[in-house]
Amino acid sequence: MDVSTIHQRYVGRYDPMDICSFNSRGHGADIGHGHMSEKKPYQWLAWTGTLILIMAATLAAFNQYPYYVYLFCIANSIWVIVGLLWRENSLVVLNAGLTLIYVAGLIWA
């Protein structure tokens, strides 16, 4: 089967993994106007965590140990809370793991 046959076979079909192909009503590409654009609650908390992460990365870039580790712990802890509030297990696991790694580094450094 050549590429054009494969392309013709799948043109117009719904792909659940392609978030850009259909909006929430199932009509053509409509990026940013479907259910993906709904604002999640606690955005202020998520942005606070993000700003602290950026500050921590900046301190890490200039080797300001241990201050950047403290900020990473705070920011990742905030993101654990956000993950719990949003019911996003991947955020919880990632940021809880990072927090534990940073705390372990502080203890055994």
N, C-alpha and C. Protein backbone atom coordinates (compact mmCIF):
# COMPACT_ATOMS: atom_id res chain seq x y z
N MET A 1 0.84 -1.16 0.00
CA MET A 1 0.00 0.00 0.00
C MET A 1 0.90 1.23 0.00
N ASP A 2 0.66 2.17 -0.93
CA ASP A 2 1.48 3.36 -0.98
C ASP A 2 0.91 4.46 -0.07
N VAL A 3 1.65 5.54 0.08
CA VAL A 3 1.28 6.61 1.00
C VAL A 3 -0.04 7.27 0.63
N SER A 4 -0.28 7.49 -0.65
CA SER A 4 -1.53 8.16 -1.06
C SER A 4 -2.75 7.29 -0.75
N THR A 5 -2.62 5.97 -0.88
CA THR A 5 -3.73 5.08 -0.54
C THR A 5 -4.01 5.13 0.96
N ILE A 6 -2.96 5.11 1.75
CA ILE A 6 -3.13 5.18 3.20
C ILE A 6 -3.77 6.51 3.58
N HIS A 7 -3.30 7.59 2.96
CA HIS A 7 -3.85 8.92 3.24
C HIS A 7 -5.33 8.98 2.88
N GLN A 8 -5.70 8.48 1.72
CA GLN A 8 -7.10 8.53 1.29
C GLN A 8 -7.98 7.67 2.20
N ARG A 9 -7.42 6.58 2.70
CA ARG A 9 -8.20 5.69 3.55
C ARG A 9 -8.57 6.36 4.88
N TYR A 10 -7.70 7.22 5.37
CA TYR A 10 -7.92 7.80 6.68
C TYR A 10 -8.36 9.26 6.67
N VAL A 11 -8.45 9.90 5.53
CA VAL A 11 -8.92 11.29 5.47
C VAL A 11 -10.37 11.35 5.93
N GLY A 12 -10.63 12.26 6.86
CA GLY A 12 -11.99 12.44 7.33
C GLY A 12 -12.41 11.55 8.47
N ARG A 13 -11.56 10.63 8.86
CA ARG A 13 -11.89 9.75 9.98
C ARG A 13 -11.49 10.41 11.28
N TYR A 14 -12.22 10.09 12.32
CA TYR A 14 -11.95 10.65 13.64
C TYR A 14 -10.80 9.90 14.31
N ASP A 15 -9.80 10.61 14.72
CA ASP A 15 -8.67 10.04 15.44
C ASP A 15 -8.71 10.59 16.86
N PRO A 16 -9.06 9.76 17.86
CA PRO A 16 -9.18 10.27 19.23
C PRO A 16 -7.87 10.79 19.80
N MET A 17 -6.74 10.43 19.23
CA MET A 17 -5.46 10.91 19.72
C MET A 17 -5.07 12.25 19.10
N ASP A 18 -5.79 12.69 18.09
CA ASP A 18 -5.48 13.95 17.41
C ASP A 18 -6.37 15.05 17.98
N ILE A 19 -5.87 15.80 18.96
CA ILE A 19 -6.69 16.80 19.63
C ILE A 19 -6.94 18.02 18.76
N CYS A 20 -6.21 18.16 17.65
CA CYS A 20 -6.37 19.33 16.80
C CYS A 20 -7.35 19.12 15.66
N SER A 21 -7.78 17.89 15.42
CA SER A 21 -8.57 17.64 14.23
C SER A 21 -10.06 17.94 14.39
N PHE A 22 -10.58 17.87 15.59
CA PHE A 22 -12.01 18.09 15.79
C PHE A 22 -12.22 18.96 17.02
N ASN A 23 -13.21 19.84 16.93
CA ASN A 23 -13.56 20.60 18.13
C ASN A 23 -14.57 19.80 18.95
N SER A 24 -15.09 20.36 20.01
CA SER A 24 -15.95 19.61 20.91
C SER A 24 -17.27 19.20 20.27
N ARG A 25 -17.66 19.84 19.18
CA ARG A 25 -18.90 19.48 18.50
C ARG A 25 -18.66 18.49 17.36
N GLY A 26 -17.42 18.09 17.16
CA GLY A 26 -17.10 17.11 16.13
C GLY A 26 -16.95 17.70 14.75
N HIS A 27 -16.82 19.03 14.63
CA HIS A 27 -16.65 19.66 13.33
C HIS A 27 -15.19 19.97 13.12
N GLY A 28 -14.71 19.89 11.91
CA GLY A 28 -13.36 20.20 11.47
C GLY A 28 -12.41 20.83 12.47
N ALA A 29 -11.22 21.15 12.04
CA ALA A 29 -10.20 21.71 12.91
C ALA A 29 -10.66 23.04 13.47
N ASP A 30 -10.62 23.15 14.76
CA ASP A 30 -11.06 24.37 15.44
C ASP A 30 -10.25 24.50 16.72
N ILE A 31 -8.99 24.75 16.56
CA ILE A 31 -8.07 24.75 17.69
C ILE A 31 -8.42 25.88 18.65
N GLY A 32 -8.50 25.54 19.93
CA GLY A 32 -8.71 26.54 20.96
C GLY A 32 -10.15 26.87 21.24
N HIS A 33 -11.11 26.27 20.54
CA HIS A 33 -12.51 26.59 20.77
C HIS A 33 -13.33 25.40 21.25
N GLY A 34 -12.68 24.28 21.48
CA GLY A 34 -13.39 23.10 21.96
C GLY A 34 -13.27 22.98 23.46
N HIS A 35 -13.46 21.78 23.96
CA HIS A 35 -13.39 21.57 25.40
C HIS A 35 -11.99 21.73 25.95
N MET A 36 -10.99 21.69 25.10
CA MET A 36 -9.60 21.83 25.56
C MET A 36 -9.31 23.25 26.06
N SER A 37 -10.12 24.23 25.67
CA SER A 37 -9.84 25.60 26.05
C SER A 37 -10.54 26.02 27.33
N GLU A 38 -11.31 25.11 27.96
CA GLU A 38 -11.97 25.46 29.19
C GLU A 38 -10.94 25.71 30.27
N LYS A 39 -11.16 26.78 31.05
CA LYS A 39 -10.22 27.15 32.08
C LYS A 39 -10.36 26.22 33.28
N LYS A 40 -9.25 25.64 33.72
CA LYS A 40 -9.26 24.77 34.89
C LYS A 40 -9.28 25.64 36.14
N PRO A 41 -9.86 25.12 37.22
CA PRO A 41 -9.85 25.88 38.47
C PRO A 41 -8.44 25.96 39.06
N TYR A 42 -8.24 26.90 39.95
CA TYR A 42 -6.97 27.08 40.65
C TYR A 42 -5.83 27.46 39.72
N GLN A 43 -6.13 28.21 38.67
CA GLN A 43 -5.09 28.67 37.76
C GLN A 43 -4.06 29.53 38.48
N TRP A 44 -4.51 30.34 39.43
CA TRP A 44 -3.57 31.20 40.16
C TRP A 44 -2.53 30.38 40.89
N LEU A 45 -2.93 29.22 41.42
CA LEU A 45 -1.99 28.36 42.13
C LEU A 45 -1.00 27.72 41.15
N ALA A 46 -1.50 27.30 40.00
CA ALA A 46 -0.63 26.71 38.98
C ALA A 46 0.39 27.73 38.48
N TRP A 47 -0.05 28.95 38.26
CA TRP A 47 0.87 30.00 37.80
C TRP A 47 1.88 30.37 38.88
N THR A 48 1.46 30.34 40.14
CA THR A 48 2.39 30.60 41.23
C THR A 48 3.49 29.54 41.24
N GLY A 49 3.09 28.28 41.13
CA GLY A 49 4.07 27.20 41.06
C GLY A 49 5.00 27.33 39.88
N THR A 50 4.46 27.76 38.75
CA THR A 50 5.28 27.93 37.55
C THR A 50 6.30 29.04 37.73
N LEU A 51 5.87 30.17 38.28
CA LEU A 51 6.79 31.29 38.50
C LEU A 51 7.90 30.91 39.48
N ILE A 52 7.56 30.18 40.52
CA ILE A 52 8.59 29.74 41.47
C ILE A 52 9.54 28.74 40.80
N LEU A 53 9.02 27.88 39.93
CA LEU A 53 9.89 26.96 39.18
C LEU A 53 10.89 27.72 38.31
N ILE A 54 10.42 28.78 37.66
CA ILE A 54 11.31 29.59 36.82
C ILE A 54 12.38 30.28 37.68
N MET A 55 11.97 30.77 38.84
CA MET A 55 12.94 31.39 39.74
C MET A 55 13.97 30.36 40.20
N ALA A 56 13.51 29.14 40.52
CA ALA A 56 14.43 28.08 40.96
C ALA A 56 15.41 27.71 39.85
N ALA A 57 14.91 27.61 38.63
CA ALA A 57 15.79 27.27 37.51
C ALA A 57 16.83 28.37 37.28
N THR A 58 16.42 29.61 37.46
CA THR A 58 17.36 30.72 37.32
C THR A 58 18.45 30.65 38.38
N LEU A 59 18.05 30.39 39.62
CA LEU A 59 19.05 30.25 40.68
C LEU A 59 19.97 29.05 40.43
N ALA A 60 19.40 27.96 39.91
CA ALA A 60 20.23 26.79 39.60
C ALA A 60 21.23 27.10 38.50
N ALA A 61 20.82 27.89 37.52
CA ALA A 61 21.71 28.25 36.42
C ALA A 61 22.91 29.05 36.92
N PHE A 62 22.71 29.79 38.01
CA PHE A 62 23.80 30.59 38.59
C PHE A 62 24.39 29.94 39.84
N ASN A 63 24.12 28.63 40.00
CA ASN A 63 24.70 27.80 41.05
C ASN A 63 24.52 28.39 42.45
N GLN A 64 23.29 28.79 42.75
CA GLN A 64 22.99 29.36 44.05
C GLN A 64 22.45 28.28 44.99
N TYR A 65 23.31 27.29 45.26
CA TYR A 65 22.95 26.19 46.15
C TYR A 65 22.97 26.70 47.58
N PRO A 66 22.09 26.33 48.43
CA PRO A 66 20.95 25.43 48.34
C PRO A 66 19.64 26.14 48.04
N TYR A 67 19.71 27.45 47.76
CA TYR A 67 18.47 28.24 47.60
C TYR A 67 17.58 27.70 46.49
N TYR A 68 18.20 27.30 45.37
CA TYR A 68 17.37 26.80 44.27
C TYR A 68 16.69 25.48 44.64
N VAL A 69 17.32 24.69 45.48
CA VAL A 69 16.69 23.43 45.91
C VAL A 69 15.46 23.71 46.75
N TYR A 70 15.55 24.71 47.63
CA TYR A 70 14.39 25.08 48.44
C TYR A 70 13.24 25.54 47.55
N LEU A 71 13.56 26.36 46.55
CA LEU A 71 12.50 26.84 45.65
C LEU A 71 11.92 25.71 44.83
N PHE A 72 12.77 24.78 44.38
CA PHE A 72 12.24 23.62 43.64
C PHE A 72 11.31 22.81 44.52
N CYS A 73 11.65 22.62 45.78
CA CYS A 73 10.78 21.87 46.70
C CYS A 73 9.43 22.57 46.86
N ILE A 74 9.47 23.89 47.04
CA ILE A 74 8.23 24.65 47.20
C ILE A 74 7.38 24.56 45.93
N ALA A 75 8.01 24.81 44.77
CA ALA A 75 7.27 24.81 43.50
C ALA A 75 6.69 23.44 43.19
N ASN A 76 7.49 22.39 43.38
CA ASN A 76 6.99 21.05 43.09
C ASN A 76 5.90 20.64 44.06
N SER A 77 5.99 21.08 45.30
CA SER A 77 4.92 20.81 46.26
C SER A 77 3.62 21.50 45.84
N ILE A 78 3.75 22.73 45.36
CA ILE A 78 2.56 23.44 44.85
C ILE A 78 1.96 22.66 43.69
N TRP A 79 2.81 22.14 42.80
CA TRP A 79 2.29 21.39 41.66
C TRP A 79 1.69 20.05 42.07
N VAL A 80 2.14 19.48 43.17
CA VAL A 80 1.48 18.27 43.70
C VAL A 80 0.05 18.63 44.11
N ILE A 81 -0.09 19.74 44.80
CA ILE A 81 -1.43 20.19 45.22
C ILE A 81 -2.31 20.46 44.01
N VAL A 82 -1.76 21.14 43.01
CA VAL A 82 -2.52 21.43 41.79
C VAL A 82 -2.93 20.12 41.11
N GLY A 83 -2.02 19.17 41.04
CA GLY A 83 -2.34 17.87 40.45
C GLY A 83 -3.47 17.17 41.18
N LEU A 84 -3.46 17.26 42.50
CA LEU A 84 -4.55 16.66 43.28
C LEU A 84 -5.87 17.38 43.01
N LEU A 85 -5.83 18.70 42.97
CA LEU A 85 -7.05 19.48 42.73
C LEU A 85 -7.61 19.23 41.33
N TRP A 86 -6.71 19.05 40.37
CA TRP A 86 -7.13 18.81 38.98
C TRP A 86 -7.37 17.33 38.70
N ARG A 87 -7.06 16.48 39.66
CA ARG A 87 -7.15 15.02 39.49
C ARG A 87 -6.28 14.54 38.32
N GLU A 88 -5.07 15.08 38.25
CA GLU A 88 -4.10 14.71 37.21
C GLU A 88 -2.99 13.90 37.88
N ASN A 89 -3.12 12.59 37.80
CA ASN A 89 -2.17 11.72 38.47
C ASN A 89 -0.74 11.90 37.97
N SER A 90 -0.58 12.20 36.71
CA SER A 90 0.77 12.37 36.17
C SER A 90 1.47 13.56 36.82
N LEU A 91 0.74 14.64 37.07
CA LEU A 91 1.32 15.79 37.76
C LEU A 91 1.71 15.44 39.19
N VAL A 92 0.85 14.69 39.86
CA VAL A 92 1.12 14.32 41.25
C VAL A 92 2.37 13.45 41.33
N VAL A 93 2.43 12.41 40.51
CA VAL A 93 3.57 11.48 40.55
C VAL A 93 4.87 12.19 40.18
N LEU A 94 4.86 12.95 39.11
CA LEU A 94 6.07 13.65 38.67
C LEU A 94 6.58 14.60 39.75
N ASN A 95 5.72 15.46 40.24
CA ASN A 95 6.17 16.49 41.17
C ASN A 95 6.42 15.96 42.57
N ALA A 96 5.69 14.95 43.01
CA ALA A 96 6.00 14.32 44.29
C ALA A 96 7.36 13.63 44.22
N GLY A 97 7.61 12.96 43.10
CA GLY A 97 8.91 12.32 42.91
C GLY A 97 10.05 13.32 42.90
N LEU A 98 9.86 14.42 42.19
CA LEU A 98 10.90 15.45 42.16
C LEU A 98 11.13 16.05 43.54
N THR A 99 10.06 16.29 44.27
CA THR A 99 10.19 16.85 45.62
C THR A 99 10.99 15.90 46.51
N LEU A 100 10.68 14.61 46.45
CA LEU A 100 11.43 13.63 47.25
C LEU A 100 12.91 13.59 46.87
N ILE A 101 13.20 13.71 45.58
CA ILE A 101 14.58 13.71 45.11
C ILE A 101 15.32 14.94 45.65
N TYR A 102 14.69 16.10 45.59
CA TYR A 102 15.33 17.32 46.10
C TYR A 102 15.55 17.25 47.61
N VAL A 103 14.56 16.76 48.34
CA VAL A 103 14.71 16.63 49.79
C VAL A 103 15.82 15.64 50.13
N ALA A 104 15.87 14.52 49.42
CA ALA A 104 16.94 13.54 49.64
C ALA A 104 18.30 14.16 49.35
N GLY A 105 18.38 14.96 48.32
CA GLY A 105 19.63 15.64 48.00
C GLY A 105 20.07 16.60 49.09
N LEU A 106 19.10 17.29 49.71
CA LEU A 106 19.43 18.19 50.81
C LEU A 106 19.91 17.42 52.03
N ILE A 107 19.27 16.29 52.30
CA ILE A 107 19.61 15.52 53.48
C ILE A 107 21.01 14.87 53.35
N TRP A 108 21.28 14.30 52.19
CA TRP A 108 22.54 13.57 52.01
C TRP A 108 23.64 14.36 51.33
N ALA A 109 23.45 15.65 51.13
CA ALA A 109 24.49 16.46 50.48
C ALA A 109 25.58 16.87 51.46
